[in-house]
PDB file of N, CA and C in Angstrom:
ATOM      1  N   MET A   1      13.551   0.720  27.361  1.00  0.00           N
ATOM      2  CA  MET A   1      14.259   0.986  26.129  1.00  0.00           C
ATOM      3  C   MET A   1      15.385  -0.020  25.928  1.00  0.00           C
ATOM      4  N   GLU A   2      16.001  -0.421  27.009  1.00  0.00           N
ATOM      5  CA  GLU A   2      17.087  -1.402  26.925  1.00  0.00           C
ATOM      6  C   GLU A   2      16.584  -2.731  26.377  1.00  0.00           C
ATOM      7  N   LYS A   3      15.357  -3.090  26.742  1.00  0.00           N
ATOM      8  CA  LYS A   3      14.783  -4.334  26.241  1.00  0.00           C
ATOM      9  C   LYS A   3      14.589  -4.272  24.732  1.00  0.00           C
ATOM     10  N   ILE A   4      14.199  -3.105  24.231  1.00  0.00           N
ATOM     11  CA  ILE A   4      13.995  -2.959  22.787  1.00  0.00           C
ATOM     12  C   ILE A   4      15.327  -3.096  22.059  1.00  0.00           C
ATOM     13  N   LYS A   5      16.372  -2.431  22.570  1.00  0.00           N
ATOM     14  CA  LYS A   5      17.688  -2.542  21.943  1.00  0.00           C
ATOM     15  C   LYS A   5      18.162  -3.990  21.951  1.00  0.00           C
ATOM     16  N   THR A   6      17.991  -4.640  23.080  1.00  0.00           N
ATOM     17  CA  THR A   6      18.397  -6.041  23.189  1.00  0.00           C
ATOM     18  C   THR A   6      17.617  -6.904  22.209  1.00  0.00           C
ATOM     19  N   TYR A   7      16.336  -6.617  22.062  1.00  0.00           N
ATOM     20  CA  TYR A   7      15.502  -7.383  21.131  1.00  0.00           C
ATOM     21  C   TYR A   7      15.996  -7.237  19.696  1.00  0.00           C
ATOM     22  N   PHE A   8      16.249  -5.990  19.259  1.00  0.00           N
ATOM     23  CA  PHE A   8      16.659  -5.781  17.875  1.00  0.00           C
ATOM     24  C   PHE A   8      18.043  -6.356  17.603  1.00  0.00           C
ATOM     25  N   VAL A   9      18.963  -6.209  18.552  1.00  0.00           N
ATOM     26  CA  VAL A   9      20.297  -6.803  18.374  1.00  0.00           C
ATOM     27  C   VAL A   9      20.181  -8.323  18.347  1.00  0.00           C
ATOM     28  N   GLY A  10      19.339  -8.874  19.229  1.00  0.00           N
ATOM     29  CA  GLY A  10      19.124 -10.320  19.240  1.00  0.00           C
ATOM     30  C   GLY A  10      18.523 -10.811  17.933  1.00  0.00           C
ATOM     31  N   GLN A  11      17.588 -10.062  17.373  1.00  0.00           N
ATOM     32  CA  GLN A  11      16.990 -10.458  16.100  1.00  0.00           C
ATOM     33  C   GLN A  11      18.031 -10.453  14.988  1.00  0.00           C
ATOM     34  N   LEU A  12      18.906  -9.459  15.021  1.00  0.00           N
ATOM     35  CA  LEU A  12      19.947  -9.379  14.003  1.00  0.00           C
ATOM     36  C   LEU A  12      20.944 -10.524  14.143  1.00  0.00           C
ATOM     37  N   LEU A  13      21.249 -10.914  15.387  1.00  0.00           N
ATOM     38  CA  LEU A  13      22.190 -12.005  15.602  1.00  0.00           C
ATOM     39  C   LEU A  13      21.551 -13.364  15.330  1.00  0.00           C
ATOM     40  N   ASN A  14      20.270 -13.507  15.643  1.00  0.00           N
ATOM     41  CA  ASN A  14      19.584 -14.780  15.422  1.00  0.00           C
ATOM     42  C   ASN A  14      19.209 -15.005  13.966  1.00  0.00           C
ATOM     43  N   ARG A  15      19.132 -13.951  13.216  1.00  0.00           N
ATOM     44  CA  ARG A  15      18.780 -14.049  11.794  1.00  0.00           C
ATOM     45  C   ARG A  15      19.875 -13.373  10.971  1.00  0.00           C
ATOM     46  N   PRO A  16      20.943 -14.109  10.693  1.00  0.00           N
ATOM     47  CA  PRO A  16      22.080 -13.484  10.010  1.00  0.00           C
ATOM     48  C   PRO A  16      21.748 -12.969   8.615  1.00  0.00           C
ATOM     49  N   TRP A  17      20.658 -13.425   8.025  1.00  0.00           N
ATOM     50  CA  TRP A  17      20.299 -12.927   6.698  1.00  0.00           C
ATOM     51  C   TRP A  17      19.820 -11.478   6.770  1.00  0.00           C
ATOM     52  N   LEU A  18      19.514 -10.952   7.980  1.00  0.00           N
ATOM     53  CA  LEU A  18      19.120  -9.553   8.110  1.00  0.00           C
ATOM     54  C   LEU A  18      20.315  -8.618   8.007  1.00  0.00           C
ATOM     55  N   ALA A  19      21.499  -9.106   8.349  1.00  0.00           N
ATOM     56  CA  ALA A  19      22.683  -8.254   8.353  1.00  0.00           C
ATOM     57  C   ALA A  19      22.975  -7.646   6.984  1.00  0.00           C
ATOM     58  N   PRO A  20      22.957  -8.406   5.888  1.00  0.00           N
ATOM     59  CA  PRO A  20      23.202  -7.766   4.589  1.00  0.00           C
ATOM     60  C   PRO A  20      22.147  -6.725   4.241  1.00  0.00           C
ATOM     61  N   ALA A  21      20.891  -6.982   4.611  1.00  0.00           N
ATOM     62  CA  ALA A  21      19.836  -6.012   4.325  1.00  0.00           C
ATOM     63  C   ALA A  21      20.062  -4.733   5.122  1.00  0.00           C
ATOM     64  N   ALA A  22      20.438  -4.868   6.400  1.00  0.00           N
ATOM     65  CA  ALA A  22      20.713  -3.690   7.223  1.00  0.00           C
ATOM     66  C   ALA A  22      21.919  -2.933   6.680  1.00  0.00           C
ATOM     67  N   LEU A  23      22.964  -3.654   6.288  1.00  0.00           N
ATOM     68  CA  LEU A  23      24.144  -3.024   5.731  1.00  0.00           C
ATOM     69  C   LEU A  23      23.820  -2.311   4.427  1.00  0.00           C
ATOM     70  N   PHE A  24      23.002  -2.929   3.577  1.00  0.00           N
ATOM     71  CA  PHE A  24      22.607  -2.303   2.320  1.00  0.00           C
ATOM     72  C   PHE A  24      21.843  -1.008   2.582  1.00  0.00           C
ATOM     73  N   GLY A  25      20.949  -1.028   3.576  1.00  0.00           N
ATOM     74  CA  GLY A  25      20.200   0.174   3.911  1.00  0.00           C
ATOM     75  C   GLY A  25      21.100   1.299   4.378  1.00  0.00           C
ATOM     76  N   VAL A  26      22.081   0.970   5.209  1.00  0.00           N
ATOM     77  CA  VAL A  26      23.023   1.984   5.687  1.00  0.00           C
ATOM     78  C   VAL A  26      23.858   2.513   4.530  1.00  0.00           C
ATOM     79  N   MET A  27      24.290   1.625   3.644  1.00  0.00           N
ATOM     80  CA  MET A  27      25.081   2.055   2.497  1.00  0.00           C
ATOM     81  C   MET A  27      24.279   2.973   1.580  1.00  0.00           C
ATOM     82  N   GLN A  28      23.003   2.661   1.370  1.00  0.00           N
ATOM     83  CA  GLN A  28      22.174   3.503   0.517  1.00  0.00           C
ATOM     84  C   GLN A  28      21.980   4.885   1.125  1.00  0.00           C
ATOM     85  N   PHE A  29      21.916   4.940   2.451  1.00  0.00           N
ATOM     86  CA  PHE A  29      21.733   6.228   3.109  1.00  0.00           C
ATOM     87  C   PHE A  29      22.973   7.097   2.987  1.00  0.00           C
ATOM     88  N   PHE A  30      24.169   6.495   3.167  1.00  0.00           N
ATOM     89  CA  PHE A  30      25.398   7.276   3.180  1.00  0.00           C
ATOM     90  C   PHE A  30      26.082   7.382   1.822  1.00  0.00           C
ATOM     91  N   ALA A  31      25.576   6.717   0.790  1.00  0.00           N
ATOM     92  CA  ALA A  31      26.209   6.757  -0.525  1.00  0.00           C
ATOM     93  C   ALA A  31      26.345   8.168  -1.091  1.00  0.00           C
ATOM     94  N   PRO A  32      25.312   9.016  -1.010  1.00  0.00           N
ATOM     95  CA  PRO A  32      25.493  10.364  -1.559  1.00  0.00           C
ATOM     96  C   PRO A  32      26.603  11.147  -0.868  1.00  0.00           C
ATOM     97  N   PHE A  33      26.830  10.884   0.418  1.00  0.00           N
ATOM     98  CA  PHE A  33      27.877  11.600   1.128  1.00  0.00           C
ATOM     99  C   PHE A  33      29.256  11.069   0.752  1.00  0.00           C
ATOM    100  N   ALA A  34      29.350   9.778   0.469  1.00  0.00           N
ATOM    101  CA  ALA A  34      30.637   9.172   0.138  1.00  0.00           C
ATOM    102  C   ALA A  34      31.148   9.651  -1.214  1.00  0.00           C
ATOM    103  N   TYR A  35      30.234   9.875  -2.155  1.00  0.00           N
ATOM    104  CA  TYR A  35      30.631  10.279  -3.500  1.00  0.00           C
ATOM    105  C   TYR A  35      30.387  11.769  -3.734  1.00  0.00           C
ATOM    106  N   ALA A  36      30.327  12.521  -2.663  1.00  0.00           N
ATOM    107  CA  ALA A  36      30.029  13.944  -2.787  1.00  0.00           C
ATOM    108  C   ALA A  36      31.152  14.658  -3.532  1.00  0.00           C
ATOM    109  N   GLN A  37      30.745  15.555  -4.363  1.00  0.00           N
ATOM    110  CA  GLN A  37      31.692  16.379  -5.099  1.00  0.00           C
ATOM    111  C   GLN A  37      31.715  17.749  -4.432  1.00  0.00           C
ATOM    112  N   THR A  38      32.571  18.603  -4.914  1.00  0.00           N
ATOM    113  CA  THR A  38      32.620  19.951  -4.392  1.00  0.00           C
ATOM    114  C   THR A  38      31.301  20.643  -4.684  1.00  0.00           C
ATOM    115  N   LEU A  39      30.739  21.260  -3.669  1.00  0.00           N
ATOM    116  CA  LEU A  39      29.457  21.927  -3.814  1.00  0.00           C
ATOM    117  C   LEU A  39      29.695  23.332  -4.340  1.00  0.00           C
ATOM    118  N   THR A  40      29.173  23.615  -5.515  1.00  0.00           N
ATOM    119  CA  THR A  40      29.273  24.955  -6.079  1.00  0.00           C
ATOM    120  C   THR A  40      27.881  25.551  -6.167  1.00  0.00           C
ATOM    121  N   ILE A  41      27.761  26.737  -5.636  1.00  0.00           N
ATOM    122  CA  ILE A  41      26.481  27.439  -5.651  1.00  0.00           C
ATOM    123  C   ILE A  41      26.666  28.680  -6.509  1.00  0.00           C
ATOM    124  N   ASP A  42      26.044  28.668  -7.684  1.00  0.00           N
ATOM    125  CA  ASP A  42      26.199  29.770  -8.621  1.00  0.00           C
ATOM    126  C   ASP A  42      25.117  30.835  -8.466  1.00  0.00           C
ATOM    127  N   ASN A  43      23.950  30.434  -8.019  1.00  0.00           N
ATOM    128  CA  ASN A  43      22.860  31.391  -7.850  1.00  0.00           C
ATOM    129  C   ASN A  43      22.038  30.994  -6.629  1.00  0.00           C
ATOM    130  N   PRO A  44      21.174  31.873  -6.159  1.00  0.00           N
ATOM    131  CA  PRO A  44      20.391  31.567  -4.953  1.00  0.00           C
ATOM    132  C   PRO A  44      19.489  30.344  -5.091  1.00  0.00           C
ATOM    133  N   GLN A  45      19.099  30.013  -6.288  1.00  0.00           N
ATOM    134  CA  GLN A  45      18.230  28.852  -6.479  1.00  0.00           C
ATOM    135  C   GLN A  45      18.982  27.551  -6.191  1.00  0.00           C
ATOM    136  N   ASP A  46      20.292  27.562  -6.328  1.00  0.00           N
ATOM    137  CA  ASP A  46      21.089  26.382  -6.017  1.00  0.00           C
ATOM    138  C   ASP A  46      21.053  26.031  -4.537  1.00  0.00           C
ATOM    139  N   VAL A  47      20.881  27.031  -3.683  1.00  0.00           N
ATOM    140  CA  VAL A  47      20.798  26.758  -2.246  1.00  0.00           C
ATOM    141  C   VAL A  47      19.606  25.847  -1.975  1.00  0.00           C
ATOM    142  N   ASN A  48      18.504  26.144  -2.622  1.00  0.00           N
ATOM    143  CA  ASN A  48      17.299  25.346  -2.431  1.00  0.00           C
ATOM    144  C   ASN A  48      17.470  23.943  -3.002  1.00  0.00           C
ATOM    145  N   SER A  49      17.965  23.848  -4.209  1.00  0.00           N
ATOM    146  CA  SER A  49      18.022  22.545  -4.869  1.00  0.00           C
ATOM    147  C   SER A  49      19.189  21.674  -4.405  1.00  0.00           C
ATOM    148  N   LYS A  50      20.303  22.281  -3.983  1.00  0.00           N
ATOM    149  CA  LYS A  50      21.480  21.492  -3.615  1.00  0.00           C
ATOM    150  C   LYS A  50      21.667  21.301  -2.119  1.00  0.00           C
ATOM    151  N   ILE A  51      21.032  22.138  -1.314  1.00  0.00           N
ATOM    152  CA  ILE A  51      21.210  22.013   0.132  1.00  0.00           C
ATOM    153  C   ILE A  51      19.906  21.674   0.832  1.00  0.00           C
ATOM    154  N   LEU A  52      18.886  22.517   0.669  1.00  0.00           N
ATOM    155  CA  LEU A  52      17.644  22.328   1.419  1.00  0.00           C
ATOM    156  C   LEU A  52      16.870  21.082   1.000  1.00  0.00           C
ATOM    157  N   CYS A  53      16.775  20.826  -0.287  1.00  0.00           N
ATOM    158  CA  CYS A  53      15.999  19.668  -0.755  1.00  0.00           C
ATOM    159  C   CYS A  53      16.580  18.328  -0.273  1.00  0.00           C
ATOM    160  N   PRO A  54      17.884  18.098  -0.399  1.00  0.00           N
ATOM    161  CA  PRO A  54      18.414  16.825   0.111  1.00  0.00           C
ATOM    162  C   PRO A  54      18.251  16.667   1.627  1.00  0.00           C
ATOM    163  N   ILE A  55      18.493  17.742   2.372  1.00  0.00           N
ATOM    164  CA  ILE A  55      18.335  17.660   3.826  1.00  0.00           C
ATOM    165  C   ILE A  55      16.888  17.374   4.186  1.00  0.00           C
ATOM    166  N   ALA A  56      15.963  18.075   3.536  1.00  0.00           N
ATOM    167  CA  ALA A  56      14.537  17.866   3.815  1.00  0.00           C
ATOM    168  C   ALA A  56      14.111  16.453   3.435  1.00  0.00           C
ATOM    169  N   GLY A  57      14.648  15.937   2.348  1.00  0.00           N
ATOM    170  CA  GLY A  57      14.309  14.578   1.934  1.00  0.00           C
ATOM    171  C   GLY A  57      14.761  13.549   2.947  1.00  0.00           C
ATOM    172  N   TYR A  58      15.999  13.684   3.435  1.00  0.00           N
ATOM    173  CA  TYR A  58      16.491  12.752   4.456  1.00  0.00           C
ATOM    174  C   TYR A  58      15.690  12.871   5.743  1.00  0.00           C
ATOM    175  N   MET A  59      15.420  14.108   6.152  1.00  0.00           N
ATOM    176  CA  MET A  59      14.638  14.303   7.382  1.00  0.00           C
ATOM    177  C   MET A  59      13.261  13.668   7.255  1.00  0.00           C
ATOM    178  N   PHE A  60      12.647  13.829   6.092  1.00  0.00           N
ATOM    179  CA  PHE A  60      11.300  13.290   5.892  1.00  0.00           C
ATOM    180  C   PHE A  60      11.290  11.777   6.089  1.00  0.00           C
ATOM    181  N   TYR A  61      12.169  11.084   5.400  1.00  0.00           N
ATOM    182  CA  TYR A  61      12.151   9.623   5.471  1.00  0.00           C
ATOM    183  C   TYR A  61      12.588   9.100   6.840  1.00  0.00           C
ATOM    184  N   ILE A  62      13.544   9.757   7.464  1.00  0.00           N
ATOM    185  CA  ILE A  62      13.971   9.334   8.805  1.00  0.00           C
ATOM    186  C   ILE A  62      12.851   9.536   9.803  1.00  0.00           C
ATOM    187  N   LEU A  63      12.207  10.694   9.764  1.00  0.00           N
ATOM    188  CA  LEU A  63      11.135  10.969  10.722  1.00  0.00           C
ATOM    189  C   LEU A  63       9.910  10.083  10.493  1.00  0.00           C
ATOM    190  N   ILE A  64       9.569   9.826   9.242  1.00  0.00           N
ATOM    191  CA  ILE A  64       8.436   8.935   8.970  1.00  0.00           C
ATOM    192  C   ILE A  64       8.759   7.526   9.465  1.00  0.00           C
ATOM    193  N   GLY A  65       9.981   7.063   9.230  1.00  0.00           N
ATOM    194  CA  GLY A  65      10.373   5.734   9.717  1.00  0.00           C
ATOM    195  C   GLY A  65      10.342   5.638  11.231  1.00  0.00           C
ATOM    196  N   LEU A  66      10.896   6.647  11.904  1.00  0.00           N
ATOM    197  CA  LEU A  66      10.884   6.644  13.368  1.00  0.00           C
ATOM    198  C   LEU A  66       9.465   6.743  13.920  1.00  0.00           C
ATOM    199  N   SER A  67       8.634   7.543  13.287  1.00  0.00           N
ATOM    200  CA  SER A  67       7.249   7.675  13.745  1.00  0.00           C
ATOM    201  C   SER A  67       6.492   6.367  13.577  1.00  0.00           C
ATOM    202  N   THR A  68       6.747   5.666  12.501  1.00  0.00           N
ATOM    203  CA  THR A  68       6.103   4.369  12.291  1.00  0.00           C
ATOM    204  C   THR A  68       6.520   3.380  13.378  1.00  0.00           C
ATOM    205  N   ILE A  69       7.799   3.361  13.692  1.00  0.00           N
ATOM    206  CA  ILE A  69       8.287   2.479  14.757  1.00  0.00           C
ATOM    207  C   ILE A  69       7.663   2.866  16.096  1.00  0.00           C
ATOM    208  N   MET A  70       7.539   4.176  16.348  1.00  0.00           N
ATOM    209  CA  MET A  70       6.930   4.631  17.597  1.00  0.00           C
ATOM    210  C   MET A  70       5.465   4.215  17.691  1.00  0.00           C
ATOM    211  N   ILE A  71       4.746   4.278  16.579  1.00  0.00           N
ATOM    212  CA  ILE A  71       3.334   3.876  16.593  1.00  0.00           C
ATOM    213  C   ILE A  71       3.219   2.375  16.854  1.00  0.00           C
ATOM    214  N   LEU A  72       4.091   1.592  16.241  1.00  0.00           N
ATOM    215  CA  LEU A  72       4.075   0.156  16.501  1.00  0.00           C
ATOM    216  C   LEU A  72       4.413  -0.144  17.961  1.00  0.00           C
ATOM    217  N   TYR A  73       5.372   0.572  18.506  1.00  0.00           N
ATOM    218  CA  TYR A  73       5.744   0.388  19.904  1.00  0.00           C
ATOM    219  C   TYR A  73       4.589   0.802  20.825  1.00  0.00           C
ATOM    220  N   ALA A  74       3.898   1.882  20.489  1.00  0.00           N
ATOM    221  CA  ALA A  74       2.757   2.315  21.295  1.00  0.00           C
ATOM    222  C   ALA A  74       1.641   1.279  21.252  1.00  0.00           C
ATOM    223  N   GLY A  75       1.431   0.674  20.094  1.00  0.00           N
ATOM    224  CA  GLY A  75       0.453  -0.406  20.008  1.00  0.00           C
ATOM    225  C   GLY A  75       0.841  -1.572  20.905  1.00  0.00           C
ATOM    226  N   PHE A  76       2.117  -1.889  20.931  1.00  0.00           N
ATOM    227  CA  PHE A  76       2.608  -2.943  21.830  1.00  0.00           C
ATOM    228  C   PHE A  76       2.377  -2.552  23.285  1.00  0.00           C
ATOM    229  N   GLN A  77       2.589  -1.269  23.600  1.00  0.00           N
ATOM    230  CA  GLN A  77       2.348  -0.794  24.964  1.00  0.00           C
ATOM    231  C   GLN A  77       0.867  -0.932  25.336  1.00  0.00           C
ATOM    232  N   TYR A  78      -0.022  -0.585  24.401  1.00  0.00           N
ATOM    233  CA  TYR A  78      -1.452  -0.722  24.665  1.00  0.00           C
ATOM    234  C   TYR A  78      -1.832  -2.182  24.911  1.00  0.00           C
ATOM    235  N   ILE A  79      -1.280  -3.049  24.089  1.00  0.00           N
ATOM    236  CA  ILE A  79      -1.629  -4.469  24.210  1.00  0.00           C
ATOM    237  C   ILE A  79      -1.147  -5.036  25.546  1.00  0.00           C
ATOM    238  N   THR A  80       0.041  -4.651  25.966  1.00  0.00           N
ATOM    239  CA  THR A  80       0.614  -5.212  27.188  1.00  0.00           C
ATOM    240  C   THR A  80       0.265  -4.408  28.442  1.00  0.00           C
ATOM    241  N   ALA A  81      -0.535  -3.357  28.313  1.00  0.00           N
ATOM    242  CA  ALA A  81      -0.866  -2.517  29.469  1.00  0.00           C
ATOM    243  C   ALA A  81      -1.694  -3.280  30.491  1.00  0.00           C
ATOM    244  N   GLY A  82      -2.566  -4.152  30.059  1.00  0.00           N
ATOM    245  CA  GLY A  82      -3.366  -4.943  30.984  1.00  0.00           C
ATOM    246  C   GLY A  82      -4.273  -4.099  31.861  1.00  0.00           C
ATOM    247  N   GLY A  83      -4.741  -2.975  31.350  1.00  0.00           N
ATOM    248  CA  GLY A  83      -5.643  -2.125  32.121  1.00  0.00           C
ATOM    249  C   GLY A  83      -4.947  -1.163  33.058  1.00  0.00           C
ATOM    250  N   ASP A  84      -3.628  -1.190  33.123  1.00  0.00           N
ATOM    251  CA  ASP A  84      -2.883  -0.277  33.986  1.00  0.00           C
ATOM    252  C   ASP A  84      -2.934   1.129  33.381  1.00  0.00           C
ATOM    253  N   SER A  85      -3.512   2.061  34.106  1.00  0.00           N
ATOM    254  CA  SER A  85      -3.722   3.402  33.557  1.00  0.00           C
ATOM    255  C   SER A  85      -2.401   4.125  33.281  1.00  0.00           C
ATOM    256  N   GLU A  86      -1.368   3.836  34.037  1.00  0.00           N
ATOM    257  CA  GLU A  86      -0.077   4.474  33.804  1.00  0.00           C
ATOM    258  C   GLU A  86       0.529   4.009  32.475  1.00  0.00           C
ATOM    259  N   LYS A  87       0.442   2.726  32.202  1.00  0.00           N
ATOM    260  CA  LYS A  87       0.976   2.198  30.946  1.00  0.00           C
ATOM    261  C   LYS A  87       0.149   2.676  29.750  1.00  0.00           C
ATOM    262  N   VAL A  88      -1.154   2.763  29.921  1.00  0.00           N
ATOM    263  CA  VAL A  88      -2.012   3.283  28.846  1.00  0.00           C
ATOM    264  C   VAL A  88      -1.667   4.750  28.580  1.00  0.00           C
ATOM    265  N   GLY A  89      -1.407   5.504  29.652  1.00  0.00           N
ATOM    266  CA  GLY A  89      -0.998   6.900  29.497  1.00  0.00           C
ATOM    267  C   GLY A  89       0.328   7.024  28.758  1.00  0.00           C
ATOM    268  N   ASP A  90       1.268   6.134  29.066  1.00  0.00           N
ATOM    269  CA  ASP A  90       2.551   6.139  28.357  1.00  0.00           C
ATOM    270  C   ASP A  90       2.351   5.839  26.871  1.00  0.00           C
ATOM    271  N   ALA A  91       1.483   4.885  26.560  1.00  0.00           N
ATOM    272  CA  ALA A  91       1.210   4.551  25.162  1.00  0.00           C
ATOM    273  C   ALA A  91       0.566   5.727  24.434  1.00  0.00           C
ATOM    274  N   THR A  92      -0.340   6.412  25.115  1.00  0.00           N
ATOM    275  CA  THR A  92      -0.988   7.577  24.511  1.00  0.00           C
ATOM    276  C   THR A  92       0.030   8.676  24.237  1.00  0.00           C
ATOM    277  N   LYS A  93       0.949   8.899  25.171  1.00  0.00           N
ATOM    278  CA  LYS A  93       2.002   9.896  24.962  1.00  0.00           C
ATOM    279  C   LYS A  93       2.886   9.508  23.781  1.00  0.00           C
ATOM    280  N   THR A  94       3.185   8.223  23.667  1.00  0.00           N
ATOM    281  CA  THR A  94       4.025   7.765  22.563  1.00  0.00           C
ATOM    282  C   THR A  94       3.346   8.022  21.228  1.00  0.00           C
ATOM    283  N   ILE A  95       2.047   7.764  21.140  1.00  0.00           N
ATOM    284  CA  ILE A  95       1.328   8.031  19.890  1.00  0.00           C
ATOM    285  C   ILE A  95       1.274   9.529  19.611  1.00  0.00           C
ATOM    286  N   THR A  96       1.128  10.331  20.656  1.00  0.00           N
ATOM    287  CA  THR A  96       1.138  11.783  20.470  1.00  0.00           C
ATOM    288  C   THR A  96       2.481  12.246  19.930  1.00  0.00           C
ATOM    289  N   TYR A  97       3.564  11.725  20.481  1.00  0.00           N
ATOM    290  CA  TYR A  97       4.892  12.090  19.992  1.00  0.00           C
ATOM    291  C   TYR A  97       5.094  11.627  18.544  1.00  0.00           C
ATOM    292  N   ALA A  98       4.553  10.475  18.205  1.00  0.00           N
ATOM    293  CA  ALA A  98       4.654   9.990  16.822  1.00  0.00           C
ATOM    294  C   ALA A  98       3.885  10.907  15.880  1.00  0.00           C
ATOM    295  N   ALA A  99       2.722  11.369  16.312  1.00  0.00           N
ATOM    296  CA  ALA A  99       1.949  12.296  15.477  1.00  0.00           C
ATOM    297  C   ALA A  99       2.697  13.610  15.274  1.00  0.00           C
ATOM    298  N   VAL A 100       3.362  14.078  16.320  1.00  0.00           N
ATOM    299  CA  VAL A 100       4.174  15.287  16.198  1.00  0.00           C
ATOM    300  C   VAL A 100       5.333  15.029  15.226  1.00  0.00           C
ATOM    301  N   GLY A 101       5.931  13.846  15.303  1.00  0.00           N
ATOM    302  CA  GLY A 101       7.008  13.496  14.374  1.00  0.00           C
ATOM    303  C   GLY A 101       6.544  13.481  12.930  1.00  0.00           C
ATOM    304  N   ILE A 102       5.349  12.974  12.682  1.00  0.00           N
ATOM    305  CA  ILE A 102       4.804  12.973  11.318  1.00  0.00           C
ATOM    306  C   ILE A 102       4.551  14.399  10.851  1.00  0.00           C
ATOM    307  N   ALA A 103       4.022  15.246  11.740  1.00  0.00           N
ATOM    308  CA  ALA A 103       3.790  16.648  11.373  1.00  0.00           C
ATOM    309  C   ALA A 103       5.097  17.356  11.042  1.00  0.00           C
ATOM    310  N   VAL A 104       6.130  17.118  11.837  1.00  0.00           N
ATOM    311  CA  VAL A 104       7.440  17.724  11.571  1.00  0.00           C
ATOM    312  C   VAL A 104       8.006  17.204  10.253  1.00  0.00           C
ATOM    313  N   ALA A 105       7.804  15.929   9.960  1.00  0.00           N
ATOM    314  CA  ALA A 105       8.289  15.355   8.702  1.00  0.00           C
ATOM    315  C   ALA A 105       7.603  16.023   7.511  1.00  0.00           C
ATOM    316  N   LEU A 106       6.310  16.237   7.612  1.00  0.00           N
ATOM    317  CA  LEU A 106       5.589  16.893   6.515  1.00  0.00           C
ATOM    318  C   LEU A 106       6.039  18.336   6.343  1.00  0.00           C
ATOM    319  N   ILE A 107       6.288  19.017   7.449  1.00  0.00           N
ATOM    320  CA  ILE A 107       6.787  20.388   7.368  1.00  0.00           C
ATOM    321  C   ILE A 107       8.193  20.404   6.761  1.00  0.00           C
ATOM    322  N   ALA A 108       9.023  19.427   7.148  1.00  0.00           N
ATOM    323  CA  ALA A 108      10.379  19.354   6.586  1.00  0.00           C
ATOM    324  C   ALA A 108      10.341  19.119   5.082  1.00  0.00           C
ATOM    325  N   LYS A 109       9.395  18.324   4.623  1.00  0.00           N
ATOM    326  CA  LYS A 109       9.288  18.058   3.185  1.00  0.00           C
ATOM    327  C   LYS A 109       8.844  19.317   2.435  1.00  0.00           C
ATOM    328  N   ALA A 110       8.006  20.126   3.072  1.00  0.00           N
ATOM    329  CA  ALA A 110       7.494  21.329   2.413  1.00  0.00           C
ATOM    330  C   ALA A 110       8.408  22.541   2.589  1.00  0.00           C
ATOM    331  N   PHE A 111       9.335  22.486   3.525  1.00  0.00           N
ATOM    332  CA  PHE A 111      10.168  23.643   3.859  1.00  0.00           C
ATOM    333  C   PHE A 111      10.920  24.241   2.667  1.00  0.00           C
ATOM    334  N   PRO A 112      11.601  23.470   1.831  1.00  0.00           N
ATOM    335  CA  PRO A 112      12.304  24.086   0.694  1.00  0.00           C
ATOM    336  C   PRO A 112      11.371  24.824  -0.252  1.00  0.00           C
ATOM    337  N   ASN A 113      10.173  24.295  -0.464  1.00  0.00           N
ATOM    338  CA  ASN A 113       9.227  24.981  -1.344  1.00  0.00           C
ATOM    339  C   ASN A 113       8.723  26.279  -0.713  1.00  0.00           C
ATOM    340  N   ILE A 114       8.549  26.275   0.599  1.00  0.00           N
ATOM    341  CA  ILE A 114       8.132  27.497   1.299  1.00  0.00           C
ATOM    342  C   ILE A 114       9.223  28.554   1.193  1.00  0.00           C
ATOM    343  N   VAL A 115      10.467  28.161   1.408  1.00  0.00           N
ATOM    344  CA  VAL A 115      11.582  29.099   1.307  1.00  0.00           C
ATOM    345  C   VAL A 115      11.689  29.643  -0.116  1.00  0.00           C
ATOM    346  N   ALA A 116      11.531  28.790  -1.104  1.00  0.00           N
ATOM    347  CA  ALA A 116      11.616  29.228  -2.499  1.00  0.00           C
ATOM    348  C   ALA A 116      10.509  30.222  -2.831  1.00  0.00           C
ATOM    349  N   SER A 117       9.302  29.974  -2.334  1.00  0.00           N
ATOM    350  CA  SER A 117       8.218  30.903  -2.644  1.00  0.00           C
ATOM    351  C   SER A 117       8.398  32.234  -1.916  1.00  0.00           C
ATOM    352  N   ILE A 118       8.974  32.218  -0.717  1.00  0.00           N
ATOM    353  CA  ILE A 118       9.241  33.471   0.002  1.00  0.00           C
ATOM    354  C   ILE A 118      10.301  34.286  -0.730  1.00  0.00           C
ATOM    355  N   LEU A 119      11.311  33.609  -1.264  1.00  0.00           N
ATOM    356  CA  LEU A 119      12.385  34.303  -1.988  1.00  0.00           C
ATOM    357  C   LEU A 119      11.998  34.653  -3.406  1.00  0.00           C
ATOM    358  N   GLY A 120      10.789  34.285  -3.823  1.00  0.00           N
ATOM    359  CA  GLY A 120      10.318  34.626  -5.160  1.00  0.00           C
ATOM    360  C   GLY A 120      10.900  33.778  -6.263  1.00  0.00           C
ATOM    361  N   GLN A 121      11.373  32.598  -5.931  1.00  0.00           N
ATOM    362  CA  GLN A 121      11.941  31.709  -6.932  1.00  0.00           C
ATOM    363  C   GLN A 121      10.855  30.792  -7.473  1.00  0.00           C
ATOM    364  N   THR A 122      11.115  30.247  -8.625  1.00  0.00           N
ATOM    365  CA  THR A 122      10.180  29.255  -9.164  1.00  0.00           C
ATOM    366  C   THR A 122      10.332  27.969  -8.371  1.00  0.00           C
ATOM    367  N   VAL A 123       9.217  27.411  -8.020  1.00  0.00           N
ATOM    368  CA  VAL A 123       9.226  26.194  -7.224  1.00  0.00           C
ATOM    369  C   VAL A 123       9.152  25.010  -8.173  1.00  0.00           C
ATOM    370  N   ASN A 124      10.240  24.233  -8.213  1.00  0.00           N
ATOM    371  CA  ASN A 124      10.270  23.069  -9.088  1.00  0.00           C
ATOM    372  C   ASN A 124      10.196  21.780  -8.288  1.00  0.00           C
ATOM    373  N   GLY A 125       9.930  21.885  -7.009  1.00  0.00           N
ATOM    374  CA  GLY A 125       9.817  20.692  -6.180  1.00  0.00           C
ATOM    375  C   GLY A 125      11.163  20.112  -5.811  1.00  0.00           C
ATOM    376  N   CYS A 126      11.120  19.178  -4.901  1.00  0.00           N
ATOM    377  CA  CYS A 126      12.357  18.518  -4.457  1.00  0.00           C
ATOM    378  C   CYS A 126      12.360  17.086  -4.921  1.00  0.00           C
TER     379      CYS A 126
END
């Protein structure tokens, strides 16, 4: 894992044009929190639309991104395994964990709609 961190930091330092893109991505992620207003919940439907939907949306994109990186890393593990059964097993576990991450991301995206339907609210999507 240390090699991966070193690689990504090295790539960022060797390619300074990546820094503005990384900074822009971080700014886009935290912008809604920086300009947050007072949260007012007037009815139960606001809980779904103002709290659950944004959290589920962030979880979905973060988990899909991490799962994609894990799948790419597992592919790298398979390529560099060289027939070593232990390394192939590690790569298989990594892909399994990525698949679980994708499943959790899909459940997180659907969670607000499930809660709304259980509470008998109209489901307008997130």
